[in-house]
């Protein structure tokens, strides 16, 4: 029996993650990564979804997206996933299920939560010890968000636009922000939120990124428990 389609709030931002089957990987080389990214980018306009941040690792996918329709993300992930699975199994002569169940999703409330999520995604390759700094990794959005080039693959999130907008040094501020590492407690809390959802109440209210940038002049944002 087909699984029910999931619906998302139009105009809200979501963290999306997908894990490969345990002990395996879904991307073997640059051709694999390029095929998935190409499919993903080509489908964004069709399903009316904005992509703000991404990171593709050998055994996992991390995305930050905002849909314009309730079914945009579900349709996008289904079509891209099916197309990539067909490519992968045809190329490597397999008949395997690539992913560990359906993709996971988490509503990101906004404000500094969006920036923290972007940072978390773009440091995925560093946490996995693939590279020492995010700029060395090709299959993520870090170089776009840190140096420019939005529009083709990645759309600036409104909170990202506000970050450093008054100082005119958004890219430098963002680079400083991302390169400042999480401490273990911060990382554990953020991963818990992305896995189980953010708390309701005043903590989930939108917070202006401009206020955050002004308060933390050294571009270091800390998680609030």
N, C-alpha and C. Protein backbone atom coordinates (compact mmCIF):
# COMPACT_ATOMS: atom_id res chain seq x y z
N UNK A 1 0.84 -1.20 0.00
CA UNK A 1 0.00 0.00 0.00
C UNK A 1 0.87 1.25 0.00
N UNK A 2 0.54 2.21 -0.84
CA UNK A 2 1.32 3.43 -0.96
C UNK A 2 1.24 4.24 0.33
N UNK A 3 2.35 4.82 0.71
CA UNK A 3 2.38 5.65 1.92
C UNK A 3 1.71 6.98 1.64
N UNK A 4 0.99 7.53 2.62
CA UNK A 4 0.30 8.81 2.41
C UNK A 4 1.29 9.93 2.16
N UNK A 5 0.90 10.83 1.27
CA UNK A 5 1.76 11.95 0.94
C UNK A 5 1.82 12.93 2.11
N UNK A 6 2.99 13.47 2.36
CA UNK A 6 3.13 14.46 3.42
C UNK A 6 2.93 15.86 2.86
N UNK A 7 2.31 16.71 3.65
CA UNK A 7 2.03 18.08 3.24
C UNK A 7 2.84 19.05 4.10
N UNK A 8 3.24 20.15 3.47
CA UNK A 8 4.08 21.14 4.13
C UNK A 8 3.44 22.52 4.02
N UNK A 9 3.75 23.38 4.95
CA UNK A 9 3.20 24.72 4.96
C UNK A 9 3.88 25.58 3.89
N UNK A 10 3.09 26.13 3.01
CA UNK A 10 3.65 26.99 1.96
C UNK A 10 4.32 28.21 2.59
N UNK A 11 5.51 28.53 2.12
CA UNK A 11 6.22 29.70 2.61
C UNK A 11 7.04 29.48 3.86
N UNK A 12 6.92 28.28 4.48
CA UNK A 12 7.72 27.97 5.65
C UNK A 12 8.97 27.20 5.22
N UNK A 13 9.99 27.21 6.08
CA UNK A 13 11.26 26.59 5.73
C UNK A 13 11.44 25.26 6.47
N UNK A 14 11.97 24.27 5.75
CA UNK A 14 12.11 22.93 6.31
C UNK A 14 13.53 22.38 6.11
N UNK A 15 13.97 21.69 7.15
CA UNK A 15 15.20 20.91 7.06
C UNK A 15 14.82 19.50 6.62
N UNK A 16 15.45 19.02 5.57
CA UNK A 16 15.17 17.70 5.01
C UNK A 16 16.45 16.86 5.06
N UNK A 17 16.32 15.64 5.53
CA UNK A 17 17.49 14.75 5.56
C UNK A 17 17.11 13.36 5.08
N UNK A 18 18.07 12.67 4.54
CA UNK A 18 17.86 11.34 3.99
C UNK A 18 19.12 10.52 4.23
N UNK A 19 18.95 9.32 4.76
CA UNK A 19 20.08 8.46 5.10
C UNK A 19 20.13 7.24 4.17
N UNK A 20 21.34 6.86 3.81
CA UNK A 20 21.52 5.64 3.02
C UNK A 20 21.26 4.42 3.90
N UNK A 21 21.08 3.28 3.27
CA UNK A 21 20.92 2.04 4.01
C UNK A 21 22.13 1.82 4.92
N UNK A 22 21.90 1.26 6.08
CA UNK A 22 22.95 1.08 7.07
C UNK A 22 24.12 0.29 6.48
N UNK A 23 25.31 0.86 6.66
CA UNK A 23 26.51 0.20 6.18
C UNK A 23 26.79 0.36 4.70
N UNK A 24 26.00 1.18 4.01
CA UNK A 24 26.21 1.38 2.58
C UNK A 24 26.27 2.87 2.27
N UNK A 25 26.51 3.18 1.02
CA UNK A 25 26.51 4.57 0.58
C UNK A 25 25.76 4.70 -0.72
N UNK A 26 25.22 5.89 -0.95
CA UNK A 26 24.40 6.12 -2.14
C UNK A 26 25.11 6.96 -3.20
N UNK A 27 26.28 7.49 -2.86
CA UNK A 27 27.08 8.25 -3.82
C UNK A 27 28.49 7.68 -3.82
N UNK A 28 28.94 7.23 -4.98
CA UNK A 28 30.26 6.62 -5.08
C UNK A 28 31.33 7.55 -5.66
N UNK A 29 30.91 8.45 -6.56
CA UNK A 29 31.90 9.31 -7.21
C UNK A 29 31.24 10.61 -7.65
N UNK A 30 32.01 11.46 -8.32
CA UNK A 30 31.50 12.77 -8.73
C UNK A 30 30.32 12.65 -9.69
N UNK A 31 30.31 11.62 -10.53
CA UNK A 31 29.20 11.43 -11.47
C UNK A 31 27.90 11.20 -10.72
N UNK A 32 27.95 10.45 -9.62
CA UNK A 32 26.75 10.22 -8.81
C UNK A 32 26.25 11.53 -8.21
N UNK A 33 27.16 12.28 -7.60
CA UNK A 33 26.76 13.55 -7.00
C UNK A 33 26.19 14.50 -8.05
N UNK A 34 26.86 14.58 -9.19
CA UNK A 34 26.43 15.50 -10.24
C UNK A 34 25.05 15.14 -10.77
N UNK A 35 24.79 13.85 -10.89
CA UNK A 35 23.48 13.43 -11.39
C UNK A 35 22.38 13.84 -10.42
N UNK A 36 22.59 13.60 -9.13
CA UNK A 36 21.56 13.96 -8.15
C UNK A 36 21.34 15.47 -8.11
N UNK A 37 22.43 16.22 -8.06
CA UNK A 37 22.32 17.69 -8.00
C UNK A 37 21.60 18.23 -9.23
N UNK A 38 21.94 17.71 -10.40
CA UNK A 38 21.30 18.17 -11.63
C UNK A 38 19.80 17.91 -11.61
N UNK A 39 19.42 16.72 -11.20
CA UNK A 39 17.99 16.40 -11.08
C UNK A 39 17.30 17.31 -10.08
N UNK A 40 17.95 17.51 -8.95
CA UNK A 40 17.37 18.36 -7.91
C UNK A 40 17.16 19.78 -8.40
N UNK A 41 18.17 20.35 -9.00
CA UNK A 41 18.08 21.73 -9.48
C UNK A 41 17.02 21.88 -10.56
N UNK A 42 16.97 20.92 -11.47
CA UNK A 42 16.02 20.99 -12.58
C UNK A 42 14.56 20.86 -12.12
N UNK A 43 14.37 20.25 -10.95
CA UNK A 43 13.00 20.04 -10.47
C UNK A 43 12.51 21.16 -9.54
N UNK A 44 13.38 22.05 -9.11
CA UNK A 44 12.98 23.08 -8.16
C UNK A 44 11.86 23.96 -8.71
N UNK A 45 12.02 24.43 -9.93
CA UNK A 45 11.00 25.28 -10.54
C UNK A 45 9.71 24.54 -10.83
N UNK A 46 9.84 23.29 -11.24
CA UNK A 46 8.66 22.49 -11.58
C UNK A 46 7.75 22.33 -10.36
N UNK A 47 8.36 22.07 -9.20
CA UNK A 47 7.57 21.81 -7.99
C UNK A 47 7.51 23.02 -7.06
N UNK A 48 7.98 24.16 -7.53
CA UNK A 48 7.88 25.43 -6.81
C UNK A 48 8.48 25.35 -5.41
N UNK A 49 9.74 24.96 -5.39
CA UNK A 49 10.49 24.85 -4.14
C UNK A 49 11.77 25.67 -4.25
N UNK A 50 12.09 26.42 -3.21
CA UNK A 50 13.36 27.14 -3.15
C UNK A 50 14.36 26.33 -2.33
N UNK A 51 15.56 26.20 -2.84
CA UNK A 51 16.64 25.52 -2.15
C UNK A 51 17.59 26.57 -1.58
N UNK A 52 17.82 26.55 -0.28
CA UNK A 52 18.68 27.54 0.37
C UNK A 52 20.06 26.97 0.71
N UNK A 53 20.10 25.71 1.07
CA UNK A 53 21.34 25.09 1.51
C UNK A 53 21.28 23.60 1.20
N UNK A 54 22.44 23.02 0.85
CA UNK A 54 22.47 21.58 0.62
C UNK A 54 23.86 21.03 0.92
N UNK A 55 23.89 19.74 1.25
CA UNK A 55 25.14 19.00 1.39
C UNK A 55 24.84 17.54 1.07
N UNK A 56 25.59 17.01 0.13
CA UNK A 56 25.48 15.60 -0.24
C UNK A 56 26.74 14.89 0.23
N UNK A 57 26.58 13.89 1.08
CA UNK A 57 27.68 13.08 1.56
C UNK A 57 27.50 11.66 1.05
N UNK A 58 28.53 10.81 1.14
CA UNK A 58 28.40 9.46 0.60
C UNK A 58 27.17 8.70 1.10
N UNK A 59 26.80 8.91 2.36
CA UNK A 59 25.70 8.14 2.93
C UNK A 59 24.55 9.00 3.45
N UNK A 60 24.49 10.27 3.08
CA UNK A 60 23.43 11.12 3.59
C UNK A 60 23.22 12.37 2.73
N UNK A 61 22.02 12.93 2.84
CA UNK A 61 21.65 14.15 2.14
C UNK A 61 21.06 15.12 3.16
N UNK A 62 21.46 16.39 3.08
CA UNK A 62 20.91 17.44 3.93
C UNK A 62 20.45 18.60 3.05
N UNK A 63 19.22 19.06 3.25
CA UNK A 63 18.67 20.15 2.44
C UNK A 63 17.92 21.13 3.34
N UNK A 64 17.93 22.39 2.96
CA UNK A 64 17.10 23.41 3.60
C UNK A 64 16.27 24.04 2.49
N UNK A 65 14.93 23.88 2.56
CA UNK A 65 14.08 24.28 1.45
C UNK A 65 12.81 24.97 1.93
N UNK A 66 12.27 25.81 1.06
CA UNK A 66 10.99 26.48 1.31
C UNK A 66 10.06 26.21 0.14
N UNK A 67 8.93 25.53 0.37
CA UNK A 67 7.99 25.24 -0.71
C UNK A 67 6.96 26.35 -0.89
N UNK A 68 6.45 26.49 -2.09
CA UNK A 68 5.37 27.43 -2.36
C UNK A 68 4.02 26.73 -2.43
N UNK A 69 4.04 25.40 -2.40
CA UNK A 69 2.81 24.61 -2.41
C UNK A 69 2.91 23.53 -1.34
N UNK A 70 1.78 23.04 -0.82
CA UNK A 70 1.81 22.02 0.24
C UNK A 70 2.46 20.70 -0.16
N UNK A 71 2.43 20.38 -1.46
CA UNK A 71 2.96 19.09 -1.90
C UNK A 71 4.31 19.22 -2.62
N UNK A 72 4.85 20.42 -2.67
CA UNK A 72 6.07 20.64 -3.44
C UNK A 72 7.24 19.79 -3.00
N UNK A 73 7.53 19.79 -1.70
CA UNK A 73 8.68 19.04 -1.21
C UNK A 73 8.48 17.54 -1.41
N UNK A 74 7.30 17.03 -1.07
CA UNK A 74 7.03 15.60 -1.23
C UNK A 74 7.21 15.15 -2.67
N UNK A 75 6.64 15.91 -3.60
CA UNK A 75 6.76 15.55 -5.01
C UNK A 75 8.20 15.66 -5.50
N UNK A 76 8.88 16.69 -5.07
CA UNK A 76 10.28 16.89 -5.47
C UNK A 76 11.14 15.72 -5.00
N UNK A 77 11.04 15.37 -3.73
CA UNK A 77 11.88 14.31 -3.19
C UNK A 77 11.54 12.96 -3.82
N UNK A 78 10.27 12.73 -4.10
CA UNK A 78 9.87 11.47 -4.72
C UNK A 78 10.43 11.34 -6.13
N UNK A 79 10.28 12.37 -6.93
CA UNK A 79 10.72 12.32 -8.33
C UNK A 79 12.24 12.26 -8.42
N UNK A 80 12.92 13.10 -7.66
CA UNK A 80 14.38 13.12 -7.71
C UNK A 80 14.94 11.80 -7.18
N UNK A 81 14.36 11.31 -6.09
CA UNK A 81 14.83 10.04 -5.53
C UNK A 81 14.65 8.87 -6.48
N UNK A 82 13.49 8.81 -7.14
CA UNK A 82 13.24 7.72 -8.08
C UNK A 82 14.17 7.80 -9.28
N UNK A 83 14.39 9.01 -9.78
CA UNK A 83 15.27 9.18 -10.94
C UNK A 83 16.71 8.79 -10.59
N UNK A 84 17.14 9.18 -9.40
CA UNK A 84 18.52 8.84 -9.02
C UNK A 84 18.66 7.34 -8.76
N UNK A 85 17.67 6.74 -8.13
CA UNK A 85 17.74 5.30 -7.88
C UNK A 85 17.82 4.51 -9.19
N UNK A 86 17.05 4.95 -10.19
CA UNK A 86 17.11 4.29 -11.51
C UNK A 86 18.49 4.44 -12.12
N UNK A 87 19.05 5.64 -12.04
CA UNK A 87 20.40 5.88 -12.56
C UNK A 87 21.42 5.01 -11.85
N UNK A 88 21.36 5.01 -10.52
CA UNK A 88 22.33 4.28 -9.71
C UNK A 88 22.27 2.78 -10.00
N UNK A 89 21.08 2.21 -9.97
CA UNK A 89 20.94 0.76 -10.17
C UNK A 89 21.27 0.34 -11.59
N UNK A 90 20.97 1.21 -12.57
CA UNK A 90 21.33 0.90 -13.95
C UNK A 90 22.83 0.96 -14.15
N UNK A 91 23.43 1.99 -13.63
CA UNK A 91 24.87 2.17 -13.81
C UNK A 91 25.68 1.06 -13.14
N UNK A 92 25.28 0.68 -11.93
CA UNK A 92 26.06 -0.32 -11.18
C UNK A 92 25.45 -1.72 -11.22
N UNK A 93 24.44 -1.90 -12.09
CA UNK A 93 23.81 -3.20 -12.29
C UNK A 93 23.34 -3.79 -10.97
N UNK A 94 22.50 -3.00 -10.28
CA UNK A 94 21.99 -3.43 -8.98
C UNK A 94 20.46 -3.36 -8.98
N UNK A 95 19.90 -3.94 -7.95
CA UNK A 95 18.47 -3.83 -7.71
C UNK A 95 18.26 -3.56 -6.21
N UNK A 96 18.85 -2.48 -5.76
CA UNK A 96 18.87 -2.20 -4.33
C UNK A 96 18.02 -0.99 -3.97
N UNK A 97 17.60 -0.94 -2.72
CA UNK A 97 16.92 0.23 -2.18
C UNK A 97 17.99 1.12 -1.56
N UNK A 98 18.10 2.32 -2.06
CA UNK A 98 19.23 3.17 -1.66
C UNK A 98 19.06 3.78 -0.28
N UNK A 99 17.82 4.15 0.06
CA UNK A 99 17.62 4.97 1.24
C UNK A 99 17.00 4.19 2.40
N UNK A 100 17.27 4.66 3.59
CA UNK A 100 16.75 4.05 4.81
C UNK A 100 15.37 4.63 5.13
N UNK A 101 14.36 4.17 4.40
CA UNK A 101 13.01 4.69 4.59
C UNK A 101 12.81 6.02 3.90
N UNK A 102 11.74 6.72 4.30
CA UNK A 102 11.41 8.02 3.71
C UNK A 102 12.31 9.10 4.30
N UNK A 103 12.33 10.24 3.62
CA UNK A 103 13.13 11.36 4.12
C UNK A 103 12.52 11.91 5.41
N UNK A 104 13.37 12.45 6.25
CA UNK A 104 12.94 13.11 7.48
C UNK A 104 12.78 14.60 7.23
N UNK A 105 11.85 15.23 7.92
CA UNK A 105 11.63 16.66 7.75
C UNK A 105 11.42 17.34 9.09
N UNK A 106 11.81 18.60 9.18
CA UNK A 106 11.65 19.37 10.40
C UNK A 106 11.37 20.82 10.02
N UNK A 107 10.29 21.37 10.53
CA UNK A 107 9.98 22.78 10.32
C UNK A 107 10.98 23.63 11.08
N UNK A 108 11.64 24.56 10.39
CA UNK A 108 12.59 25.48 11.03
C UNK A 108 11.88 26.79 11.28
N UNK A 109 11.71 27.20 12.54
CA UNK A 109 10.85 28.34 12.86
C UNK A 109 11.20 29.65 12.17
N UNK A 110 12.46 29.91 11.89
CA UNK A 110 12.85 31.18 11.29
C UNK A 110 13.91 31.86 12.13
N UNK A 111 14.21 33.12 11.80
CA UNK A 111 15.21 33.86 12.56
C UNK A 111 16.55 33.17 12.57
N UNK A 112 17.22 33.22 13.72
CA UNK A 112 18.55 32.64 13.82
C UNK A 112 18.53 31.12 13.69
N UNK A 113 17.35 30.48 13.86
CA UNK A 113 17.26 29.04 13.66
C UNK A 113 17.65 28.67 12.23
N UNK A 114 17.25 29.50 11.26
CA UNK A 114 17.58 29.24 9.86
C UNK A 114 19.08 29.28 9.65
N UNK A 115 19.73 30.27 10.22
CA UNK A 115 21.17 30.40 10.07
C UNK A 115 21.90 29.24 10.74
N UNK A 116 21.44 28.82 11.89
CA UNK A 116 22.05 27.68 12.56
C UNK A 116 21.90 26.42 11.72
N UNK A 117 20.75 26.27 11.09
CA UNK A 117 20.52 25.09 10.26
C UNK A 117 21.42 25.12 9.02
N UNK A 118 21.56 26.28 8.41
CA UNK A 118 22.47 26.41 7.27
C UNK A 118 23.88 26.01 7.68
N UNK A 119 24.31 26.51 8.82
CA UNK A 119 25.66 26.20 9.31
C UNK A 119 25.81 24.69 9.55
N UNK A 120 24.81 24.10 10.18
CA UNK A 120 24.84 22.67 10.46
C UNK A 120 24.99 21.86 9.17
N UNK A 121 24.24 22.22 8.16
CA UNK A 121 24.29 21.50 6.89
C UNK A 121 25.64 21.68 6.22
N UNK A 122 26.13 22.90 6.18
CA UNK A 122 27.37 23.17 5.44
C UNK A 122 28.62 22.71 6.17
N UNK A 123 28.49 22.31 7.43
CA UNK A 123 29.60 21.71 8.16
C UNK A 123 29.51 20.19 8.19
N UNK A 124 28.53 19.62 7.49
CA UNK A 124 28.35 18.17 7.50
C UNK A 124 29.60 17.44 7.02
N UNK A 125 30.23 17.95 5.98
CA UNK A 125 31.42 17.29 5.44
C UNK A 125 32.59 17.36 6.41
N UNK A 126 32.63 18.40 7.23
CA UNK A 126 33.68 18.53 8.24
C UNK A 126 33.42 17.56 9.39
N UNK A 127 32.17 17.49 9.83
CA UNK A 127 31.84 16.53 10.90
C UNK A 127 32.12 15.11 10.47
N UNK A 128 31.92 14.81 9.18
CA UNK A 128 32.18 13.47 8.65
C UNK A 128 33.67 13.22 8.39
N UNK A 129 34.48 14.24 8.62
CA UNK A 129 35.93 14.17 8.44
C UNK A 129 36.33 13.86 7.00
N UNK A 130 35.53 14.37 6.08
CA UNK A 130 35.87 14.25 4.67
C UNK A 130 36.86 15.34 4.29
N UNK A 131 36.65 16.55 4.83
CA UNK A 131 37.53 17.69 4.61
C UNK A 131 37.77 18.38 5.94
N UNK A 132 38.71 19.28 5.97
CA UNK A 132 39.02 20.01 7.20
C UNK A 132 38.26 21.33 7.29
N UNK A 133 37.89 21.89 6.14
CA UNK A 133 37.10 23.12 6.14
C UNK A 133 36.04 23.01 5.04
N UNK A 134 34.87 23.63 5.24
CA UNK A 134 33.75 23.43 4.30
C UNK A 134 34.03 23.89 2.89
N UNK A 135 34.91 24.88 2.72
CA UNK A 135 35.20 25.37 1.39
C UNK A 135 35.92 24.37 0.51
N UNK A 136 36.45 23.31 1.10
CA UNK A 136 37.15 22.28 0.33
C UNK A 136 36.20 21.25 -0.26
N UNK A 137 34.94 21.29 0.15
CA UNK A 137 34.00 20.26 -0.28
C UNK A 137 33.13 20.77 -1.42
N UNK A 138 33.13 20.05 -2.52
CA UNK A 138 32.45 20.49 -3.74
C UNK A 138 30.94 20.35 -3.68
N UNK A 139 30.45 19.31 -2.98
CA UNK A 139 29.03 18.97 -3.08
C UNK A 139 28.21 19.52 -1.93
N UNK A 140 28.39 20.81 -1.70
CA UNK A 140 27.56 21.54 -0.73
C UNK A 140 27.40 22.96 -1.23
N UNK A 141 26.53 23.70 -0.55
CA UNK A 141 26.24 25.08 -0.95
C UNK A 141 27.14 26.09 -0.26
N UNK A 142 28.13 25.62 0.50
CA UNK A 142 28.92 26.56 1.31
C UNK A 142 29.56 27.67 0.48
N UNK A 143 30.21 27.32 -0.61
CA UNK A 143 30.92 28.34 -1.38
C UNK A 143 29.97 29.37 -1.98
N UNK A 144 28.73 28.97 -2.25
CA UNK A 144 27.74 29.92 -2.75
C UNK A 144 27.33 30.87 -1.64
N UNK A 145 26.98 30.33 -0.48
CA UNK A 145 26.54 31.19 0.62
C UNK A 145 27.68 32.00 1.23
N UNK A 146 28.90 31.52 1.09
CA UNK A 146 30.03 32.20 1.70
C UNK A 146 30.72 33.19 0.76
N UNK A 147 30.53 33.03 -0.56
CA UNK A 147 31.24 33.89 -1.50
C UNK A 147 30.35 34.49 -2.59
N UNK A 148 29.11 34.02 -2.71
CA UNK A 148 28.20 34.55 -3.73
C UNK A 148 27.96 33.56 -4.85
N UNK A 149 27.04 33.93 -5.74
CA UNK A 149 26.69 33.07 -6.87
C UNK A 149 25.29 32.50 -6.75
N UNK A 150 24.45 33.14 -5.93
CA UNK A 150 23.08 32.68 -5.76
C UNK A 150 22.28 32.87 -7.05
N UNK A 151 21.19 32.10 -7.13
CA UNK A 151 20.29 32.26 -8.27
C UNK A 151 20.19 31.02 -9.12
N UNK A 152 21.31 30.36 -9.39
CA UNK A 152 21.27 29.16 -10.20
C UNK A 152 20.81 27.96 -9.42
N UNK A 153 21.55 27.64 -8.38
CA UNK A 153 21.21 26.49 -7.54
C UNK A 153 20.53 26.92 -6.24
N UNK A 154 21.03 27.96 -5.65
CA UNK A 154 20.65 28.33 -4.29
C UNK A 154 19.97 29.69 -4.26
N UNK A 155 18.87 29.78 -3.53
CA UNK A 155 18.14 31.03 -3.33
C UNK A 155 18.41 31.54 -1.92
N UNK A 156 18.76 32.81 -1.80
CA UNK A 156 18.98 33.38 -0.47
C UNK A 156 17.70 33.33 0.36
N UNK A 157 17.81 32.84 1.57
CA UNK A 157 16.70 32.91 2.51
C UNK A 157 16.61 34.34 3.04
N UNK A 158 15.41 34.80 3.37
CA UNK A 158 15.24 36.16 3.87
C UNK A 158 16.10 36.43 5.10
N UNK A 159 16.22 35.45 5.99
CA UNK A 159 17.04 35.64 7.19
C UNK A 159 18.52 35.75 6.83
N UNK A 160 18.93 35.02 5.82
CA UNK A 160 20.32 35.13 5.35
C UNK A 160 20.56 36.50 4.73
N UNK A 161 19.58 37.00 3.99
CA UNK A 161 19.71 38.33 3.39
C UNK A 161 19.91 39.40 4.45
N UNK A 162 19.20 39.27 5.57
CA UNK A 162 19.31 40.26 6.63
C UNK A 162 20.63 40.18 7.37
N UNK A 163 21.24 39.01 7.36
CA UNK A 163 22.46 38.82 8.14
C UNK A 163 23.61 39.65 7.56
N UNK A 164 23.98 40.68 8.25
CA UNK A 164 25.05 41.55 7.79
C UNK A 164 24.67 42.50 6.69
N UNK A 165 23.35 42.66 6.40
CA UNK A 165 22.94 43.50 5.27
C UNK A 165 23.27 44.97 5.49
N UNK A 166 23.21 45.43 6.73
CA UNK A 166 23.48 46.84 6.99
C UNK A 166 24.97 47.16 6.96
N UNK A 167 25.79 46.17 7.21
CA UNK A 167 27.23 46.42 7.22
C UNK A 167 27.85 46.25 5.83
N UNK A 168 27.11 45.61 4.93
CA UNK A 168 27.63 45.40 3.58
C UNK A 168 28.70 44.34 3.49
N UNK A 169 28.82 43.51 4.51
CA UNK A 169 29.85 42.46 4.49
C UNK A 169 29.22 41.12 4.84
N UNK A 170 28.10 40.82 4.20
CA UNK A 170 27.36 39.60 4.50
C UNK A 170 28.21 38.34 4.34
N UNK A 171 28.96 38.25 3.24
CA UNK A 171 29.72 37.04 2.97
C UNK A 171 30.82 36.82 4.01
N UNK A 172 31.53 37.88 4.37
CA UNK A 172 32.58 37.73 5.38
C UNK A 172 31.98 37.36 6.73
N UNK A 173 30.88 38.00 7.07
CA UNK A 173 30.22 37.70 8.34
C UNK A 173 29.74 36.24 8.36
N UNK A 174 29.21 35.79 7.24
CA UNK A 174 28.73 34.42 7.17
C UNK A 174 29.90 33.44 7.26
N UNK A 175 31.00 33.72 6.61
CA UNK A 175 32.17 32.83 6.70
C UNK A 175 32.66 32.74 8.14
N UNK A 176 32.72 33.89 8.82
CA UNK A 176 33.15 33.88 10.22
C UNK A 176 32.19 33.07 11.08
N UNK A 177 30.91 33.20 10.80
CA UNK A 177 29.88 32.48 11.55
C UNK A 177 30.02 30.98 11.38
N UNK A 178 30.17 30.51 10.15
CA UNK A 178 30.24 29.08 9.88
C UNK A 178 31.53 28.47 10.41
N UNK A 179 32.63 29.18 10.32
CA UNK A 179 33.91 28.61 10.75
C UNK A 179 34.05 28.55 12.26
N UNK A 180 33.17 29.23 13.00
CA UNK A 180 33.21 29.12 14.46
C UNK A 180 32.53 27.81 14.86
N UNK A 181 33.26 26.87 15.44
CA UNK A 181 32.70 25.53 15.68
C UNK A 181 31.65 25.51 16.80
N UNK A 182 30.78 24.51 16.72
CA UNK A 182 29.85 24.25 17.81
C UNK A 182 30.61 23.59 18.97
N UNK A 183 30.17 23.87 20.19
CA UNK A 183 30.67 23.04 21.27
C UNK A 183 29.76 21.80 21.35
N UNK A 184 30.18 20.74 22.05
CA UNK A 184 29.40 19.50 22.05
C UNK A 184 27.95 19.68 22.51
N UNK A 185 27.71 20.55 23.49
CA UNK A 185 26.35 20.76 23.98
C UNK A 185 25.48 21.42 22.93
N UNK A 186 26.02 22.42 22.23
CA UNK A 186 25.28 23.09 21.17
C UNK A 186 24.91 22.12 20.06
N UNK A 187 25.88 21.31 19.65
CA UNK A 187 25.65 20.38 18.55
C UNK A 187 24.60 19.34 18.94
N UNK A 188 24.70 18.84 20.15
CA UNK A 188 23.73 17.84 20.62
C UNK A 188 22.32 18.40 20.64
N UNK A 189 22.17 19.65 21.12
CA UNK A 189 20.86 20.29 21.18
C UNK A 189 20.30 20.53 19.79
N UNK A 190 21.14 21.02 18.88
CA UNK A 190 20.68 21.29 17.52
C UNK A 190 20.26 20.01 16.82
N UNK A 191 21.04 18.96 16.95
CA UNK A 191 20.69 17.69 16.32
C UNK A 191 19.39 17.13 16.89
N UNK A 192 19.18 17.30 18.18
CA UNK A 192 17.92 16.86 18.79
C UNK A 192 16.74 17.61 18.19
N UNK A 193 16.87 18.92 18.00
CA UNK A 193 15.79 19.73 17.44
C UNK A 193 15.51 19.35 16.00
N UNK A 194 16.55 19.12 15.22
CA UNK A 194 16.34 18.77 13.82
C UNK A 194 15.75 17.37 13.66
N UNK A 195 15.97 16.54 14.66
CA UNK A 195 15.42 15.18 14.61
C UNK A 195 14.00 15.11 15.15
N UNK A 196 13.73 15.88 16.19
CA UNK A 196 12.44 15.76 16.88
C UNK A 196 11.56 17.01 16.77
N UNK A 197 12.06 18.08 16.17
CA UNK A 197 11.27 19.29 16.03
C UNK A 197 11.63 20.34 17.07
N UNK A 198 11.37 21.58 16.74
CA UNK A 198 11.65 22.68 17.64
C UNK A 198 10.52 22.83 18.65
N UNK A 199 10.83 23.32 19.86
CA UNK A 199 9.78 23.50 20.87
C UNK A 199 8.82 24.60 20.48
N UNK A 200 7.59 24.48 20.94
CA UNK A 200 6.59 25.51 20.71
C UNK A 200 6.69 26.58 21.79
N UNK A 201 6.03 27.69 21.57
CA UNK A 201 6.05 28.75 22.57
C UNK A 201 6.97 29.87 22.16
N UNK A 202 7.37 30.66 23.14
CA UNK A 202 8.11 31.88 22.80
C UNK A 202 9.47 31.60 22.20
N UNK A 203 10.04 30.40 22.47
CA UNK A 203 11.35 30.11 21.91
C UNK A 203 11.29 29.96 20.40
N UNK A 204 10.13 29.61 19.85
CA UNK A 204 10.02 29.38 18.42
C UNK A 204 9.58 30.62 17.66
N UNK A 205 9.49 31.77 18.37
CA UNK A 205 9.13 33.00 17.67
C UNK A 205 10.25 33.42 16.73
N UNK A 206 9.87 34.08 15.64
CA UNK A 206 10.87 34.55 14.70
C UNK A 206 11.72 35.65 15.34
N UNK A 207 13.03 35.54 15.14
CA UNK A 207 13.97 36.52 15.68
C UNK A 207 14.71 37.14 14.51
N UNK A 208 14.77 38.44 14.48
CA UNK A 208 15.42 39.13 13.37
C UNK A 208 16.90 38.82 13.32
N UNK A 209 17.39 38.39 12.15
CA UNK A 209 18.81 38.12 12.00
C UNK A 209 19.64 39.39 12.13
N UNK A 210 19.04 40.53 11.82
CA UNK A 210 19.75 41.79 11.97
C UNK A 210 20.05 42.04 13.44
N UNK A 211 19.09 41.78 14.31
CA UNK A 211 19.29 41.97 15.74
C UNK A 211 20.36 41.02 16.25
N UNK A 212 20.34 39.79 15.74
CA UNK A 212 21.35 38.82 16.16
C UNK A 212 22.73 39.29 15.74
N UNK A 213 22.86 39.72 14.49
CA UNK A 213 24.16 40.16 13.99
C UNK A 213 24.67 41.36 14.76
N UNK A 214 23.76 42.27 15.16
CA UNK A 214 24.15 43.45 15.91
C UNK A 214 24.59 43.08 17.32
N UNK A 215 23.88 42.12 17.93
CA UNK A 215 24.20 41.71 19.29
C UNK A 215 25.52 40.97 19.36
N UNK A 216 25.74 40.09 18.36
CA UNK A 216 26.97 39.32 18.34
C UNK A 216 27.88 39.90 17.26
N UNK A 217 28.62 40.90 17.62
CA UNK A 217 29.42 41.63 16.63
C UNK A 217 30.51 40.78 16.03
N UNK A 218 30.89 39.70 16.70
CA UNK A 218 31.91 38.82 16.15
C UNK A 218 31.33 37.68 15.33
N UNK A 219 30.03 37.79 15.02
CA UNK A 219 29.33 36.84 14.14
C UNK A 219 29.13 35.48 14.76
N UNK A 220 29.31 35.33 16.05
CA UNK A 220 29.11 34.05 16.70
C UNK A 220 27.71 33.98 17.26
N UNK A 221 26.90 33.05 16.75
CA UNK A 221 25.56 32.83 17.25
C UNK A 221 25.57 31.60 18.13
N UNK A 222 24.98 31.68 19.31
CA UNK A 222 24.93 30.55 20.21
C UNK A 222 23.52 30.04 20.34
N UNK A 223 23.39 28.73 20.51
CA UNK A 223 22.07 28.14 20.69
C UNK A 223 21.55 28.48 22.07
N UNK A 224 20.27 28.77 22.13
CA UNK A 224 19.63 29.04 23.40
C UNK A 224 18.83 27.83 23.82
N UNK A 225 19.09 27.36 24.98
CA UNK A 225 18.39 26.17 25.45
C UNK A 225 17.03 26.53 26.01
